[in-house]
Amino acid sequence: MAQHESVVLPDTCCEQGEQRAWIPSWLRSGVTVFDTEINRTGEVMAVAWPGCDLRQAWRAWLRPLGGGREWNPCVDRLVRHLVTQDA
């Protein structure tokens, strides 16, 4: 059974005060993810940034593939997105 690394942060998230326990280790800059709340794919620019702002502790900064305006979702609504390339 594989062990998953995680980053432990404070146990509250977002404006709603939702409970969180960890951020998955795969969620880092450069990874392509899918935002399940708004059905949008983006590249992770940063996670929990800036570190001095606790409002960002459970958020990631995403940029649409190909460029555009970044958005700042809670990490619990993000899933890994596998990008396929033509051979």
Protein backbone atom coordinates (compact mmCIF):
# COMPACT_ATOMS: atom_id res chain seq x y z
CA MET A 1 0.00 0.00 0.00
CA ALA A 2 1.46 3.36 -1.05
CA GLN A 3 1.86 6.14 1.46
CA HIS A 4 0.76 9.62 0.47
CA GLU A 5 2.74 12.62 1.55
CA SER A 6 0.81 15.63 2.68
CA VAL A 7 1.33 19.11 4.02
CA VAL A 8 -0.40 19.84 7.31
CA LEU A 9 -1.95 23.30 7.56
CA PRO A 10 -4.51 24.95 9.85
CA ASP A 11 -7.87 23.14 9.98
CA THR A 12 -10.09 25.83 8.51
CA CYS A 13 -10.60 26.83 4.89
CA CYS A 14 -12.16 29.55 2.84
CA GLU A 15 -14.70 32.12 3.87
CA GLN A 16 -17.14 29.37 4.86
CA GLY A 17 -14.90 28.03 7.64
CA GLU A 18 -14.96 24.53 6.16
CA GLN A 19 -12.74 21.92 7.84
CA ARG A 20 -9.65 20.62 6.05
CA ALA A 21 -6.88 18.29 7.16
CA TRP A 22 -4.25 18.28 4.39
CA ILE A 23 -3.13 19.33 0.94
CA PRO A 24 -2.10 16.41 -1.31
CA SER A 25 1.59 16.28 -2.22
CA TRP A 26 0.79 16.10 -5.96
CA LEU A 27 -0.80 19.57 -5.82
CA ARG A 28 2.15 21.82 -6.71
CA SER A 29 3.20 24.42 -9.26
CA GLY A 30 3.07 23.22 -12.86
CA VAL A 31 0.47 20.47 -12.34
CA THR A 32 -2.67 20.51 -14.49
CA VAL A 33 -5.87 20.25 -12.43
CA PHE A 34 -9.62 20.35 -12.95
CA ASP A 35 -11.79 22.65 -10.79
CA THR A 36 -14.92 20.59 -10.12
CA GLU A 37 -16.99 23.56 -8.95
CA ILE A 38 -16.71 25.62 -12.12
CA ASN A 39 -15.79 22.82 -14.58
CA ARG A 40 -12.56 24.45 -15.67
CA THR A 41 -9.05 23.13 -16.28
CA GLY A 42 -5.96 25.08 -15.27
CA GLU A 43 -2.30 24.93 -14.38
CA VAL A 44 -1.30 25.39 -10.74
CA MET A 45 0.74 28.56 -10.30
CA ALA A 46 0.97 28.43 -6.48
CA VAL A 47 -0.52 26.66 -3.45
CA ALA A 48 -1.16 28.31 -0.06
CA TRP A 49 0.48 31.53 -1.26
CA PRO A 50 1.30 33.96 0.20
CA GLY A 51 2.16 31.92 3.28
CA CYS A 52 1.63 34.83 5.64
CA ASP A 53 -2.06 35.08 4.65
CA LEU A 54 -4.12 32.40 6.44
CA ARG A 55 -7.02 33.03 4.04
CA GLN A 56 -4.84 31.37 1.38
CA ALA A 57 -3.88 28.32 3.48
CA TRP A 58 -6.33 26.05 1.58
CA ARG A 59 -6.33 27.76 -1.79
CA ALA A 60 -4.38 27.38 -5.01
CA TRP A 61 -3.77 29.90 -7.78
CA LEU A 62 -4.68 28.47 -11.19
CA ARG A 63 -4.18 29.84 -14.70
CA PRO A 64 -6.23 28.59 -17.66
CA LEU A 65 -4.28 26.41 -20.09
CA GLY A 66 -2.96 28.67 -22.82
CA GLY A 67 -3.06 31.73 -20.56
CA GLY A 68 -5.69 34.04 -19.19
CA ARG A 69 -6.99 35.34 -15.87
CA GLU A 70 -6.03 33.33 -12.80
CA TRP A 71 -8.56 32.16 -10.24
CA ASN A 72 -8.17 31.09 -6.61
CA PRO A 73 -10.21 27.98 -5.65
CA CYS A 74 -10.12 25.96 -2.43
CA VAL A 75 -7.94 22.90 -2.95
CA ASP A 76 -10.68 20.42 -2.01
CA ARG A 77 -12.50 21.12 -5.28
CA LEU A 78 -9.42 20.31 -7.40
CA VAL A 79 -8.63 16.93 -8.95
CA ARG A 80 -5.65 15.82 -10.98
CA HIS A 81 -6.23 16.25 -14.69
CA LEU A 82 -4.36 13.98 -17.08
CA VAL A 83 -3.55 15.79 -20.31
CA THR A 84 -3.27 13.49 -23.30
CA GLN A 85 -0.97 14.29 -26.18
CA ASP A 86 -1.32 13.11 -29.76
CA ALA A 87 1.38 10.66 -30.84
